[in-house]
C-alpha atoms as a PDB file:
ATOM      1  CA  MET A   1     -27.883 -36.704  -0.353  1.00  0.00           C
ATOM      2  CA  ILE A   2     -25.243 -36.596   2.379  1.00  0.00           C
ATOM      3  CA  MET A   3     -22.465 -36.328  -0.249  1.00  0.00           C
ATOM      4  CA  LYS A   4     -24.238 -33.373  -1.832  1.00  0.00           C
ATOM      5  CA  LYS A   5     -24.541 -31.624   1.547  1.00  0.00           C
ATOM      6  CA  ILE A   6     -20.851 -32.231   2.181  1.00  0.00           C
ATOM      7  CA  ALA A   7     -19.918 -30.914  -1.234  1.00  0.00           C
ATOM      8  CA  ILE A   8     -22.008 -27.746  -0.659  1.00  0.00           C
ATOM      9  CA  PHE A   9     -20.481 -27.261   2.782  1.00  0.00           C
ATOM     10  CA  LEU A  10     -16.942 -27.576   1.344  1.00  0.00           C
ATOM     11  CA  VAL A  11     -17.678 -25.099  -1.432  1.00  0.00           C
ATOM     12  CA  LEU A  12     -19.036 -22.568   1.057  1.00  0.00           C
ATOM     13  CA  PHE A  13     -16.312 -23.147   3.614  1.00  0.00           C
ATOM     14  CA  PHE A  14     -13.454 -22.850   1.165  1.00  0.00           C
ATOM     15  CA  CYS A  15     -15.120 -20.284  -1.212  1.00  0.00           C
ATOM     16  CA  GLU A  16     -12.005 -18.641  -2.716  1.00  0.00           C
ATOM     17  CA  GLY A  17     -12.572 -14.904  -2.341  1.00  0.00           C
ATOM     18  CA  CYS A  18     -16.081 -14.795  -0.896  1.00  0.00           C
ATOM     19  CA  ASP A  19     -16.961 -12.301   1.797  1.00  0.00           C
ATOM     20  CA  ARG A  20     -20.029 -12.418   4.025  1.00  0.00           C
ATOM     21  CA  ASN A  21     -22.249 -11.425   1.120  1.00  0.00           C
ATOM     22  CA  GLY A  22     -20.621 -13.870  -1.255  1.00  0.00           C
ATOM     23  CA  ASP A  23     -18.884 -11.101  -3.208  1.00  0.00           C
ATOM     24  CA  TYR A  24     -15.270 -11.505  -4.257  1.00  0.00           C
ATOM     25  CA  VAL A  25     -13.352  -8.196  -4.246  1.00  0.00           C
ATOM     26  CA  LYS A  26      -9.927  -7.743  -5.728  1.00  0.00           C
ATOM     27  CA  ARG A  27      -8.836  -4.171  -4.901  1.00  0.00           C
ATOM     28  CA  VAL A  28      -6.100  -2.275  -6.759  1.00  0.00           C
ATOM     29  CA  TYR A  29      -3.913   0.078  -4.721  1.00  0.00           C
ATOM     30  CA  LYS A  30      -2.122   2.649  -6.853  1.00  0.00           C
ATOM     31  CA  VAL A  31       0.560   4.970  -5.583  1.00  0.00           C
ATOM     32  CA  GLU A  32       1.044   8.038  -7.794  1.00  0.00           C
ATOM     33  CA  ASN A  33       3.039  11.164  -8.036  1.00  0.00           C
ATOM     34  CA  SER A  34       1.368  14.507  -8.780  1.00  0.00           C
ATOM     35  CA  SER A  35       3.775  16.566  -6.684  1.00  0.00           C
ATOM     36  CA  GLY A  36       5.658  17.930  -9.672  1.00  0.00           C
ATOM     37  CA  HIS A  37       8.878  16.564  -8.041  1.00  0.00           C
ATOM     38  CA  GLU A  38      11.126  13.719  -8.964  1.00  0.00           C
ATOM     39  CA  ILE A  39      10.381  10.869  -6.558  1.00  0.00           C
ATOM     40  CA  THR A  40      12.177   7.657  -5.537  1.00  0.00           C
ATOM     41  CA  VAL A  41      10.170   5.168  -3.518  1.00  0.00           C
ATOM     42  CA  VAL A  42      11.956   2.254  -1.809  1.00  0.00           C
ATOM     43  CA  ALA A  43       9.903  -0.433  -0.013  1.00  0.00           C
ATOM     44  CA  HIS A  44      11.859  -2.380   2.557  1.00  0.00           C
ATOM     45  CA  SER A  45      11.215  -5.724   4.223  1.00  0.00           C
ATOM     46  CA  LEU A  46      13.197  -5.292   7.365  1.00  0.00           C
ATOM     47  CA  ASN A  47      12.195  -8.772   8.559  1.00  0.00           C
ATOM     48  CA  GLU A  48      14.022 -10.194   5.571  1.00  0.00           C
ATOM     49  CA  GLY A  49      16.752  -7.488   5.652  1.00  0.00           C
ATOM     50  CA  SER A  50      16.243  -6.431   2.061  1.00  0.00           C
ATOM     51  CA  ILE A  51      14.698  -4.070  -0.394  1.00  0.00           C
ATOM     52  CA  TYR A  52      11.344  -5.440  -1.400  1.00  0.00           C
ATOM     53  CA  TRP A  53      10.854  -3.096  -4.434  1.00  0.00           C
ATOM     54  CA  SER A  54      12.119   0.230  -5.644  1.00  0.00           C
ATOM     55  CA  ARG A  55      10.675   2.742  -8.139  1.00  0.00           C
ATOM     56  CA  HIS A  56      11.942   6.068  -9.520  1.00  0.00           C
ATOM     57  CA  ILE A  57       9.695   8.473 -11.380  1.00  0.00           C
ATOM     58  CA  LEU A  58      10.829  11.768 -12.938  1.00  0.00           C
ATOM     59  CA  THR A  59       7.402  13.153 -13.626  1.00  0.00           C
ATOM     60  CA  ASN A  60       3.845  12.774 -12.494  1.00  0.00           C
ATOM     61  CA  GLY A  61       2.239   9.347 -12.889  1.00  0.00           C
ATOM     62  CA  VAL A  62       1.879   5.857 -11.428  1.00  0.00           C
ATOM     63  CA  ILE A  63       4.780   4.796  -9.189  1.00  0.00           C
ATOM     64  CA  TRP A  64       3.481   1.451  -8.004  1.00  0.00           C
ATOM     65  CA  GLU A  65       0.404  -0.764  -8.221  1.00  0.00           C
ATOM     66  CA  GLY A  66      -0.492  -3.581  -5.816  1.00  0.00           C
ATOM     67  CA  HIS A  67      -3.462  -5.857  -5.219  1.00  0.00           C
ATOM     68  CA  SER A  68      -5.334  -7.195  -2.158  1.00  0.00           C
ATOM     69  CA  ASP A  69      -8.316  -9.473  -2.155  1.00  0.00           C
ATOM     70  CA  ASN A  70     -10.685 -11.078   0.270  1.00  0.00           C
ATOM     71  CA  GLY A  71      -9.987 -14.658  -0.938  1.00  0.00           C
ATOM     72  CA  LEU A  72      -9.992 -17.255   1.817  1.00  0.00           C
ATOM     73  CA  GLY A  73     -11.466 -14.754   4.217  1.00  0.00           C
ATOM     74  CA  ARG A  74      -8.458 -12.344   4.117  1.00  0.00           C
ATOM     75  CA  GLU A  75      -8.684  -8.694   4.977  1.00  0.00           C
ATOM     76  CA  ILE A  76      -8.400  -6.313   2.070  1.00  0.00           C
ATOM     77  CA  SER A  77      -5.981  -3.497   2.982  1.00  0.00           C
ATOM     78  CA  ALA A  78      -3.118  -1.320   1.731  1.00  0.00           C
ATOM     79  CA  SER A  79      -0.689  -3.025   4.075  1.00  0.00           C
ATOM     80  CA  ARG A  80      -1.588  -6.417   2.551  1.00  0.00           C
ATOM     81  CA  ALA A  81      -1.247  -4.993  -1.014  1.00  0.00           C
ATOM     82  CA  LEU A  82       2.213  -3.795  -0.091  1.00  0.00           C
ATOM     83  CA  GLY A  83       3.102  -7.379   0.647  1.00  0.00           C
ATOM     84  CA  LYS A  84       6.161  -8.044   2.807  1.00  0.00           C
ATOM     85  CA  THR A  85       6.879  -4.333   2.987  1.00  0.00           C
ATOM     86  CA  ASP A  86       7.224  -2.907   6.502  1.00  0.00           C
ATOM     87  CA  SER A  87       8.720   0.465   5.712  1.00  0.00           C
ATOM     88  CA  VAL A  88       8.580   2.795   2.702  1.00  0.00           C
ATOM     89  CA  VAL A  89      11.128   5.542   2.107  1.00  0.00           C
ATOM     90  CA  VAL A  90      10.034   8.377  -0.227  1.00  0.00           C
ATOM     91  CA  THR A  91      12.707  10.805  -1.511  1.00  0.00           C
ATOM     92  CA  PHE A  92      11.695  13.990  -3.361  1.00  0.00           C
ATOM     93  CA  ASP A  93      14.318  15.477  -5.716  1.00  0.00           C
ATOM     94  CA  ASN A  94      17.008  13.748  -3.674  1.00  0.00           C
ATOM     95  CA  LEU A  95      16.612  16.594  -1.151  1.00  0.00           C
ATOM     96  CA  LYS A  96      13.676  15.697   1.093  1.00  0.00           C
ATOM     97  CA  ARG A  97      12.532  12.455   2.655  1.00  0.00           C
ATOM     98  CA  GLN A  98       9.485  10.894   4.234  1.00  0.00           C
ATOM     99  CA  ILE A  99       9.516   7.451   5.908  1.00  0.00           C
ATOM    100  CA  TYR A 100       6.452   5.370   6.494  1.00  0.00           C
ATOM    101  CA  TYR A 101       6.469   2.339   8.954  1.00  0.00           C
ATOM    102  CA  PHE A 102       4.089  -0.524   9.572  1.00  0.00           C
ATOM    103  CA  SER A 103       4.217  -3.087  12.341  1.00  0.00           C
ATOM    104  CA  ASN A 104       2.010  -5.054  14.705  1.00  0.00           C
ATOM    105  CA  TYR A 105       1.543  -1.781  16.622  1.00  0.00           C
ATOM    106  CA  GLY A 106       0.151   0.034  13.603  1.00  0.00           C
ATOM    107  CA  ALA A 107       1.428   2.619  11.096  1.00  0.00           C
ATOM    108  CA  ALA A 108       3.755   5.545  11.831  1.00  0.00           C
ATOM    109  CA  SER A 109       5.912   7.986   9.934  1.00  0.00           C
ATOM    110  CA  SER A 110       8.983  10.191  10.191  1.00  0.00           C
ATOM    111  CA  PRO A 111       8.501  13.057  10.255  1.00  0.00           C
ATOM    112  CA  LYS A 112       5.069  12.470  11.694  1.00  0.00           C
ATOM    113  CA  VAL A 113       2.331  13.211   9.168  1.00  0.00           C
ATOM    114  CA  PHE A 114      -1.397  12.390   9.008  1.00  0.00           C
ATOM    115  CA  ARG A 115      -1.253  10.518   5.667  1.00  0.00           C
ATOM    116  CA  ASN A 116       0.335   7.111   5.572  1.00  0.00           C
ATOM    117  CA  ILE A 117       0.846   4.793   2.607  1.00  0.00           C
ATOM    118  CA  PHE A 118      -0.102   1.806   4.820  1.00  0.00           C
ATOM    119  CA  ILE A 119      -3.550   3.158   5.905  1.00  0.00           C
ATOM    120  CA  ASP A 120      -6.559   2.717   3.652  1.00  0.00           C
ATOM    121  CA  SER A 121      -8.299   5.830   4.982  1.00  0.00           C
ATOM    122  CA  THR A 122      -5.570   8.073   3.513  1.00  0.00           C
ATOM    123  CA  TYR A 123      -6.171   6.823   0.003  1.00  0.00           C
ATOM    124  CA  THR A 124      -8.571   8.388  -2.417  1.00  0.00           C
ATOM    125  CA  ILE A 125     -11.339   5.838  -2.840  1.00  0.00           C
ATOM    126  CA  GLU A 126     -12.512   5.705  -6.419  1.00  0.00           C
ATOM    127  CA  SER A 127     -14.512   2.524  -6.052  1.00  0.00           C
ATOM    128  CA  ASN A 128     -14.456  -0.607  -3.930  1.00  0.00           C
ATOM    129  CA  GLU A 129     -11.909  -1.955  -6.439  1.00  0.00           C
ATOM    130  CA  LEU A 130      -9.643   1.066  -6.788  1.00  0.00           C
ATOM    131  CA  TYR A 131      -7.783   3.139  -4.072  1.00  0.00           C
ATOM    132  CA  ARG A 132      -5.190   5.795  -4.895  1.00  0.00           C
ATOM    133  CA  PHE A 133      -2.438   7.283  -2.828  1.00  0.00           C
ATOM    134  CA  ILE A 134      -1.262  10.430  -4.492  1.00  0.00           C
ATOM    135  CA  PHE A 135       1.858  12.325  -3.492  1.00  0.00           C
ATOM    136  CA  THR A 136       1.222  16.046  -3.744  1.00  0.00           C
ATOM    137  CA  GLU A 137       3.114  19.279  -3.227  1.00  0.00           C
ATOM    138  CA  GLU A 138       1.928  19.198   0.377  1.00  0.00           C
ATOM    139  CA  ASP A 139       3.715  15.858   0.904  1.00  0.00           C
ATOM    140  CA  TYR A 140       6.912  17.462  -0.481  1.00  0.00           C
ATOM    141  CA  ASN A 141       6.482  20.373   1.934  1.00  0.00           C
ATOM    142  CA  MET A 142       5.911  18.051   4.975  1.00  0.00           C
ATOM    143  CA  ALA A 143       8.917  15.847   4.172  1.00  0.00           C
ATOM    144  CA  GLU A 144      12.168  16.181   6.122  1.00  0.00           C
ATOM    145  CA  ASP A 145      15.041  18.102   4.617  1.00  0.00           C
ATOM    146  CA  CYS A 146      18.007  15.779   4.087  1.00  0.00           C
ATOM    147  CA  GLY A 147      20.552  18.617   4.463  1.00  0.00           C
ATOM    148  CA  GLY A 148      21.786  18.800   0.921  1.00  0.00           C
ATOM    149  CA  LYS A 149      21.437  15.289  -0.470  1.00  0.00           C
ATOM    150  CA  CYS A 150      19.548  12.212   0.677  1.00  0.00           C
ATOM    151  CA  ASN A 151      21.521   8.942   0.564  1.00  0.00           C
END
């Protein structure tokens, strides 16, 4: 009987992906372009001093897809789905740029904008399993002019 109680305790304690209600959630975070502009997105890991991933899209569509789950009691969030990424540089038509940052102090951007790729509340929530961040014409308009050509 004691062994059975220990086994149940271990299963509950180490329940891979269980939240308080016992529900495992694996959320997909999609970053998409519907701005009508060519976009390059480069995710950096400044702690490692490297580019974590880079995507280029000529037309509208999915740029990147990541996952975050609540396995082992982890928090589900866009910042976790982005992995080791701590900054994301978005370039529109190689003419305008928006930079998003994430650190222990929170999320920021340059130029400063309300929406941020690292913050869940700026995603369109389609379900508990699917969040979308969609670049629009407004994002293009809010981005900083690179003065001719972004490098």
